[in-house]
Amino acid sequence: MSEEFYEHDPDLDMYDEREGFLFFEVVEGLYFEVRWDTVDTSPVYFMNTRISDSLQAFFEQLDCDSHLYEKMLEE
C-alpha cells in the first residue's frame, strides 16, 4: 500500500503489490521490486525482467558494479 509521498503516484498502478514489494526507485516511475517466489528465494525484478535471484545477490552485484542500474536504463 502506498503511503505519504507515494500515496498518489499513478506510476505505481502498474505494479501489483501482491507479487512483492518495491524497494528502490531507479528513475521517476521505475522501481526495483522483490517478488515473493519461494521460501528460499525472493528474486529482484526491474519491470518484468528478473535481474537477480535474491535481494542479497542483487546487493552483491551492485557492490561489484555501482552503475548496474544505469546500464539497465540504457538497454
PDB file of N, CA and C in Angstrom:
ATOM      1  N   MET A   1       0.834  -1.177   0.000  1.00  0.00           N
ATOM      2  CA  MET A   1       0.000   0.000   0.000  1.00  0.00           C
ATOM      3  C   MET A   1       0.880   1.242   0.000  1.00  0.00           C
ATOM      4  N   SER A   2       0.574   2.185  -0.831  1.00  0.00           N
ATOM      5  CA  SER A   2       1.354   3.419  -0.946  1.00  0.00           C
ATOM      6  C   SER A   2       0.972   4.374   0.169  1.00  0.00           C
ATOM      7  N   GLU A   3       1.984   5.034   0.701  1.00  0.00           N
ATOM      8  CA  GLU A   3       1.749   5.987   1.779  1.00  0.00           C
ATOM      9  C   GLU A   3       2.555   7.244   1.534  1.00  0.00           C
ATOM     10  N   GLU A   4       2.119   8.308   2.170  1.00  0.00           N
ATOM     11  CA  GLU A   4       2.784   9.602   2.175  1.00  0.00           C
ATOM     12  C   GLU A   4       3.178  10.050   0.777  1.00  0.00           C
ATOM     13  N   PHE A   5       4.474  10.187   0.504  1.00  0.00           N
ATOM     14  CA  PHE A   5       4.974  10.732  -0.758  1.00  0.00           C
ATOM     15  C   PHE A   5       4.445   9.965  -1.967  1.00  0.00           C
ATOM     16  N   TYR A   6       4.322   8.655  -1.842  1.00  0.00           N
ATOM     17  CA  TYR A   6       3.933   7.802  -2.975  1.00  0.00           C
ATOM     18  C   TYR A   6       2.433   7.515  -3.025  1.00  0.00           C
ATOM     19  N   GLU A   7       1.683   8.071  -2.105  1.00  0.00           N
ATOM     20  CA  GLU A   7       0.262   7.746  -1.988  1.00  0.00           C
ATOM     21  C   GLU A   7      -0.531   8.001  -3.266  1.00  0.00           C
ATOM     22  N   HIS A   8      -0.221   9.073  -3.968  1.00  0.00           N
ATOM     23  CA  HIS A   8      -0.981   9.423  -5.168  1.00  0.00           C
ATOM     24  C   HIS A   8      -0.145   9.289  -6.441  1.00  0.00           C
ATOM     25  N   ASP A   9       0.833   8.396  -6.428  1.00  0.00           N
ATOM     26  CA  ASP A   9       1.710   8.191  -7.583  1.00  0.00           C
ATOM     27  C   ASP A   9       1.036   7.251  -8.575  1.00  0.00           C
ATOM     28  N   PRO A  10       0.574   7.759  -9.719  1.00  0.00           N
ATOM     29  CA  PRO A  10      -0.119   6.899 -10.689  1.00  0.00           C
ATOM     30  C   PRO A  10       0.789   5.845 -11.314  1.00  0.00           C
ATOM     31  N   ASP A  11       2.105   6.064 -11.290  1.00  0.00           N
ATOM     32  CA  ASP A  11       3.029   5.083 -11.866  1.00  0.00           C
ATOM     33  C   ASP A  11       3.019   3.769 -11.085  1.00  0.00           C
ATOM     34  N   LEU A  12       2.636   3.824  -9.826  1.00  0.00           N
ATOM     35  CA  LEU A  12       2.632   2.611  -9.007  1.00  0.00           C
ATOM     36  C   LEU A  12       1.497   1.661  -9.377  1.00  0.00           C
ATOM     37  N   ASP A  13       0.539   2.143 -10.147  1.00  0.00           N
ATOM     38  CA  ASP A  13      -0.580   1.290 -10.545  1.00  0.00           C
ATOM     39  C   ASP A  13      -0.137   0.114 -11.395  1.00  0.00           C
ATOM     40  N   MET A  14       0.994   0.231 -12.091  1.00  0.00           N
ATOM     41  CA  MET A  14       1.448  -0.869 -12.948  1.00  0.00           C
ATOM     42  C   MET A  14       2.149  -1.970 -12.150  1.00  0.00           C
ATOM     43  N   TYR A  15       2.385  -1.741 -10.868  1.00  0.00           N
ATOM     44  CA  TYR A  15       3.000  -2.751 -10.013  1.00  0.00           C
ATOM     45  C   TYR A  15       1.926  -3.429  -9.185  1.00  0.00           C
ATOM     46  N   ASP A  16       1.957  -4.726  -9.163  1.00  0.00           N
ATOM     47  CA  ASP A  16       0.988  -5.497  -8.392  1.00  0.00           C
ATOM     48  C   ASP A  16       1.600  -5.761  -7.025  1.00  0.00           C
ATOM     49  N   GLU A  17       1.097  -5.096  -6.005  1.00  0.00           N
ATOM     50  CA  GLU A  17       1.674  -5.215  -4.662  1.00  0.00           C
ATOM     51  C   GLU A  17       1.618  -6.638  -4.118  1.00  0.00           C
ATOM     52  N   ARG A  18       0.710  -7.448  -4.617  1.00  0.00           N
ATOM     53  CA  ARG A  18       0.599  -8.819  -4.121  1.00  0.00           C
ATOM     54  C   ARG A  18       1.773  -9.689  -4.550  1.00  0.00           C
ATOM     55  N   GLU A  19       2.526  -9.265  -5.542  1.00  0.00           N
ATOM     56  CA  GLU A  19       3.651 -10.065  -6.030  1.00  0.00           C
ATOM     57  C   GLU A  19       4.920  -9.834  -5.231  1.00  0.00           C
ATOM     58  N   GLY A  20       5.033  -8.743  -4.516  1.00  0.00           N
ATOM     59  CA  GLY A  20       6.247  -8.445  -3.778  1.00  0.00           C
ATOM     60  C   GLY A  20       6.216  -7.037  -3.248  1.00  0.00           C
ATOM     61  N   PHE A  21       7.402  -6.428  -3.143  1.00  0.00           N
ATOM     62  CA  PHE A  21       7.462  -5.058  -2.670  1.00  0.00           C
ATOM     63  C   PHE A  21       8.525  -4.274  -3.426  1.00  0.00           C
ATOM     64  N   LEU A  22       8.273  -3.003  -3.591  1.00  0.00           N
ATOM     65  CA  LEU A  22       9.209  -2.103  -4.258  1.00  0.00           C
ATOM     66  C   LEU A  22      10.204  -1.614  -3.218  1.00  0.00           C
ATOM     67  N   PHE A  23      11.486  -1.562  -3.604  1.00  0.00           N
ATOM     68  CA  PHE A  23      12.460  -1.127  -2.613  1.00  0.00           C
ATOM     69  C   PHE A  23      13.407  -0.045  -3.108  1.00  0.00           C
ATOM     70  N   PHE A  24      13.374   0.295  -4.396  1.00  0.00           N
ATOM     71  CA  PHE A  24      14.310   1.298  -4.908  1.00  0.00           C
ATOM     72  C   PHE A  24      13.724   1.928  -6.162  1.00  0.00           C
ATOM     73  N   GLU A  25      13.609   3.243  -6.162  1.00  0.00           N
ATOM     74  CA  GLU A  25      13.146   3.943  -7.355  1.00  0.00           C
ATOM     75  C   GLU A  25      14.360   4.256  -8.221  1.00  0.00           C
ATOM     76  N   VAL A  26      14.438   3.626  -9.387  1.00  0.00           N
ATOM     77  CA  VAL A  26      15.575   3.779 -10.293  1.00  0.00           C
ATOM     78  C   VAL A  26      15.557   5.175 -10.907  1.00  0.00           C
ATOM     79  N   VAL A  27      14.466   5.510 -11.523  1.00  0.00           N
ATOM     80  CA  VAL A  27      14.165   6.850 -12.029  1.00  0.00           C
ATOM     81  C   VAL A  27      12.679   7.051 -11.778  1.00  0.00           C
ATOM     82  N   GLU A  28      12.200   8.231 -12.005  1.00  0.00           N
ATOM     83  CA  GLU A  28      10.803   8.509 -11.710  1.00  0.00           C
ATOM     84  C   GLU A  28       9.875   7.504 -12.390  1.00  0.00           C
ATOM     85  N   GLY A  29       9.128   6.792 -11.581  1.00  0.00           N
ATOM     86  CA  GLY A  29       8.145   5.844 -12.087  1.00  0.00           C
ATOM     87  C   GLY A  29       8.645   4.445 -12.362  1.00  0.00           C
ATOM     88  N   LEU A  30       9.944   4.186 -12.240  1.00  0.00           N
ATOM     89  CA  LEU A  30      10.501   2.846 -12.462  1.00  0.00           C
ATOM     90  C   LEU A  30      11.216   2.386 -11.199  1.00  0.00           C
ATOM     91  N   TYR A  31      10.867   1.189 -10.747  1.00  0.00           N
ATOM     92  CA  TYR A  31      11.353   0.685  -9.470  1.00  0.00           C
ATOM     93  C   TYR A  31      11.964  -0.703  -9.607  1.00  0.00           C
ATOM     94  N   PHE A  32      12.835  -1.034  -8.654  1.00  0.00           N
ATOM     95  CA  PHE A  32      13.249  -2.417  -8.469  1.00  0.00           C
ATOM     96  C   PHE A  32      12.233  -3.030  -7.522  1.00  0.00           C
ATOM     97  N   GLU A  33      11.907  -4.286  -7.773  1.00  0.00           N
ATOM     98  CA  GLU A  33      10.894  -4.971  -6.988  1.00  0.00           C
ATOM     99  C   GLU A  33      11.418  -6.330  -6.551  1.00  0.00           C
ATOM    100  N   VAL A  34      11.221  -6.670  -5.288  1.00  0.00           N
ATOM    101  CA  VAL A  34      11.498  -8.012  -4.792  1.00  0.00           C
ATOM    102  C   VAL A  34      10.167  -8.747  -4.835  1.00  0.00           C
ATOM    103  N   ARG A  35      10.146  -9.880  -5.510  1.00  0.00           N
ATOM    104  CA  ARG A  35       8.903 -10.643  -5.627  1.00  0.00           C
ATOM    105  C   ARG A  35       8.970 -11.888  -4.751  1.00  0.00           C
ATOM    106  N   TRP A  36       7.821 -12.250  -4.236  1.00  0.00           N
ATOM    107  CA  TRP A  36       7.727 -13.477  -3.459  1.00  0.00           C
ATOM    108  C   TRP A  36       7.785 -14.629  -4.454  1.00  0.00           C
ATOM    109  N   ASP A  37       8.743 -15.477  -4.298  1.00  0.00           N
ATOM    110  CA  ASP A  37       8.907 -16.584  -5.238  1.00  0.00           C
ATOM    111  C   ASP A  37       8.713 -17.892  -4.493  1.00  0.00           C
ATOM    112  N   THR A  38       9.710 -18.293  -3.761  1.00  0.00           N
ATOM    113  CA  THR A  38       9.625 -19.497  -2.951  1.00  0.00           C
ATOM    114  C   THR A  38      10.125 -19.147  -1.559  1.00  0.00           C
ATOM    115  N   VAL A  39      10.092 -20.116  -0.690  1.00  0.00           N
ATOM    116  CA  VAL A  39      10.578 -19.908   0.671  1.00  0.00           C
ATOM    117  C   VAL A  39      12.059 -19.532   0.657  1.00  0.00           C
ATOM    118  N   ASP A  40      12.805 -20.102  -0.282  1.00  0.00           N
ATOM    119  CA  ASP A  40      14.251 -19.921  -0.306  1.00  0.00           C
ATOM    120  C   ASP A  40      14.718 -18.689  -1.071  1.00  0.00           C
ATOM    121  N   THR A  41      13.925 -18.206  -2.018  1.00  0.00           N
ATOM    122  CA  THR A  41      14.393 -17.085  -2.833  1.00  0.00           C
ATOM    123  C   THR A  41      13.330 -16.013  -2.969  1.00  0.00           C
ATOM    124  N   SER A  42      13.800 -14.822  -3.138  1.00  0.00           N
ATOM    125  CA  SER A  42      12.943 -13.673  -3.449  1.00  0.00           C
ATOM    126  C   SER A  42      13.663 -12.887  -4.533  1.00  0.00           C
ATOM    127  N   PRO A  43      13.416 -13.221  -5.790  1.00  0.00           N
ATOM    128  CA  PRO A  43      14.152 -12.606  -6.889  1.00  0.00           C
ATOM    129  C   PRO A  43      13.839 -11.116  -7.035  1.00  0.00           C
ATOM    130  N   VAL A  44      14.797 -10.400  -7.619  1.00  0.00           N
ATOM    131  CA  VAL A  44      14.661  -8.971  -7.866  1.00  0.00           C
ATOM    132  C   VAL A  44      14.351  -8.764  -9.339  1.00  0.00           C
ATOM    133  N   TYR A  45      13.360  -7.914  -9.601  1.00  0.00           N
ATOM    134  CA  TYR A  45      12.936  -7.603 -10.962  1.00  0.00           C
ATOM    135  C   TYR A  45      13.063  -6.111 -11.228  1.00  0.00           C
ATOM    136  N   PHE A  46      13.374  -5.800 -12.479  1.00  0.00           N
ATOM    137  CA  PHE A  46      13.292  -4.431 -12.976  1.00  0.00           C
ATOM    138  C   PHE A  46      12.281  -4.492 -14.097  1.00  0.00           C
ATOM    139  N   MET A  47      11.121  -3.899 -13.840  1.00  0.00           N
ATOM    140  CA  MET A  47       9.967  -4.034 -14.716  1.00  0.00           C
ATOM    141  C   MET A  47       9.608  -5.519 -14.738  1.00  0.00           C
ATOM    142  N   ASN A  48       9.612  -6.176 -15.860  1.00  0.00           N
ATOM    143  CA  ASN A  48       9.291  -7.609 -15.882  1.00  0.00           C
ATOM    144  C   ASN A  48      10.514  -8.471 -16.139  1.00  0.00           C
ATOM    145  N   THR A  49      11.696  -7.901 -15.962  1.00  0.00           N
ATOM    146  CA  THR A  49      12.935  -8.629 -16.198  1.00  0.00           C
ATOM    147  C   THR A  49      13.563  -9.025 -14.866  1.00  0.00           C
ATOM    148  N   ARG A  50      13.772 -10.315 -14.703  1.00  0.00           N
ATOM    149  CA  ARG A  50      14.438 -10.813 -13.492  1.00  0.00           C
ATOM    150  C   ARG A  50      15.911 -10.459 -13.604  1.00  0.00           C
ATOM    151  N   ILE A  51      16.411  -9.673 -12.649  1.00  0.00           N
ATOM    152  CA  ILE A  51      17.802  -9.230 -12.719  1.00  0.00           C
ATOM    153  C   ILE A  51      18.682  -9.879 -11.670  1.00  0.00           C
ATOM    154  N   SER A  52      18.075 -10.532 -10.695  1.00  0.00           N
ATOM    155  CA  SER A  52      18.858 -11.196  -9.672  1.00  0.00           C
ATOM    156  C   SER A  52      18.000 -12.273  -9.016  1.00  0.00           C
ATOM    157  N   ASP A  53      18.661 -13.314  -8.516  1.00  0.00           N
ATOM    158  CA  ASP A  53      17.945 -14.417  -7.884  1.00  0.00           C
ATOM    159  C   ASP A  53      17.499 -14.121  -6.457  1.00  0.00           C
ATOM    160  N   SER A  54      18.106 -13.110  -5.821  1.00  0.00           N
ATOM    161  CA  SER A  54      17.735 -12.756  -4.451  1.00  0.00           C
ATOM    162  C   SER A  54      18.152 -11.324  -4.170  1.00  0.00           C
ATOM    163  N   LEU A  55      17.626 -10.773  -3.112  1.00  0.00           N
ATOM    164  CA  LEU A  55      17.995  -9.417  -2.723  1.00  0.00           C
ATOM    165  C   LEU A  55      19.475  -9.356  -2.352  1.00  0.00           C
ATOM    166  N   GLN A  56      19.952 -10.371  -1.659  1.00  0.00           N
ATOM    167  CA  GLN A  56      21.368 -10.412  -1.301  1.00  0.00           C
ATOM    168  C   GLN A  56      22.241 -10.447  -2.557  1.00  0.00           C
ATOM    169  N   ALA A  57      21.890 -11.272  -3.513  1.00  0.00           N
ATOM    170  CA  ALA A  57      22.658 -11.351  -4.757  1.00  0.00           C
ATOM    171  C   ALA A  57      22.619 -10.020  -5.505  1.00  0.00           C
ATOM    172  N   PHE A  58      21.467  -9.339  -5.459  1.00  0.00           N
ATOM    173  CA  PHE A  58      21.361  -8.032  -6.103  1.00  0.00           C
ATOM    174  C   PHE A  58      22.351  -7.047  -5.485  1.00  0.00           C
ATOM    175  N   PHE A  59      22.396  -6.999  -4.151  1.00  0.00           N
ATOM    176  CA  PHE A  59      23.316  -6.070  -3.495  1.00  0.00           C
ATOM    177  C   PHE A  59      24.776  -6.436  -3.747  1.00  0.00           C
ATOM    178  N   GLU A  60      25.058  -7.711  -3.889  1.00  0.00           N
ATOM    179  CA  GLU A  60      26.416  -8.130  -4.240  1.00  0.00           C
ATOM    180  C   GLU A  60      26.761  -7.665  -5.652  1.00  0.00           C
ATOM    181  N   GLN A  61      25.813  -7.772  -6.582  1.00  0.00           N
ATOM    182  CA  GLN A  61      26.024  -7.273  -7.946  1.00  0.00           C
ATOM    183  C   GLN A  61      26.266  -5.764  -7.914  1.00  0.00           C
ATOM    184  N   LEU A  62      25.457  -5.055  -7.151  1.00  0.00           N
ATOM    185  CA  LEU A  62      25.570  -3.608  -7.058  1.00  0.00           C
ATOM    186  C   LEU A  62      26.892  -3.199  -6.413  1.00  0.00           C
ATOM    187  N   ASP A  63      27.363  -4.001  -5.470  1.00  0.00           N
ATOM    188  CA  ASP A  63      28.651  -3.731  -4.827  1.00  0.00           C
ATOM    189  C   ASP A  63      29.798  -3.866  -5.827  1.00  0.00           C
ATOM    190  N   CYS A  64      29.674  -4.825  -6.752  1.00  0.00           N
ATOM    191  CA  CYS A  64      30.712  -5.030  -7.771  1.00  0.00           C
ATOM    192  C   CYS A  64      30.623  -4.009  -8.904  1.00  0.00           C
ATOM    193  N   ASP A  65      29.429  -3.505  -9.156  1.00  0.00           N
ATOM    194  CA  ASP A  65      29.218  -2.567 -10.261  1.00  0.00           C
ATOM    195  C   ASP A  65      28.199  -1.522  -9.825  1.00  0.00           C
ATOM    196  N   SER A  66      28.667  -0.408  -9.322  1.00  0.00           N
ATOM    197  CA  SER A  66      27.772   0.620  -8.785  1.00  0.00           C
ATOM    198  C   SER A  66      26.941   1.304  -9.869  1.00  0.00           C
ATOM    199  N   HIS A  67      27.259   1.060 -11.136  1.00  0.00           N
ATOM    200  CA  HIS A  67      26.487   1.649 -12.239  1.00  0.00           C
ATOM    201  C   HIS A  67      25.540   0.631 -12.878  1.00  0.00           C
ATOM    202  N   LEU A  68      25.297  -0.444 -12.176  1.00  0.00           N
ATOM    203  CA  LEU A  68      24.468  -1.538 -12.676  1.00  0.00           C
ATOM    204  C   LEU A  68      23.113  -1.047 -13.172  1.00  0.00           C
ATOM    205  N   TYR A  69      22.410  -0.288 -12.376  1.00  0.00           N
ATOM    206  CA  TYR A  69      21.069   0.134 -12.769  1.00  0.00           C
ATOM    207  C   TYR A  69      21.084   1.159 -13.880  1.00  0.00           C
ATOM    208  N   GLU A  70      22.139   1.948 -13.977  1.00  0.00           N
ATOM    209  CA  GLU A  70      22.244   2.901 -15.079  1.00  0.00           C
ATOM    210  C   GLU A  70      22.382   2.166 -16.408  1.00  0.00           C
ATOM    211  N   LYS A  71      23.108   1.062 -16.387  1.00  0.00           N
ATOM    212  CA  LYS A  71      23.272   0.258 -17.596  1.00  0.00           C
ATOM    213  C   LYS A  71      21.951  -0.357 -18.032  1.00  0.00           C
ATOM    214  N   MET A  72      21.113  -0.729 -17.080  1.00  0.00           N
ATOM    215  CA  MET A  72      19.806  -1.297 -17.402  1.00  0.00           C
ATOM    216  C   MET A  72      18.923  -0.292 -18.103  1.00  0.00           C
ATOM    217  N   LEU A  73      19.045   0.959 -17.739  1.00  0.00           N
ATOM    218  CA  LEU A  73      18.240   2.010 -18.369  1.00  0.00           C
ATOM    219  C   LEU A  73      18.649   2.229 -19.810  1.00  0.00           C
ATOM    220  N   GLU A  74      19.913   1.975 -20.138  1.00  0.00           N
ATOM    221  CA  GLU A  74      20.419   2.169 -21.488  1.00  0.00           C
ATOM    222  C   GLU A  74      19.929   1.093 -22.444  1.00  0.00           C
ATOM    223  N   GLU A  75      19.586  -0.080 -21.905  1.00  0.00           N
ATOM    224  CA  GLU A  75      19.187  -1.217 -22.761  1.00  0.00           C
ATOM    225  C   GLU A  75      17.847  -0.997 -23.381  1.00  0.00           C
TER     226      GLU A  75
END
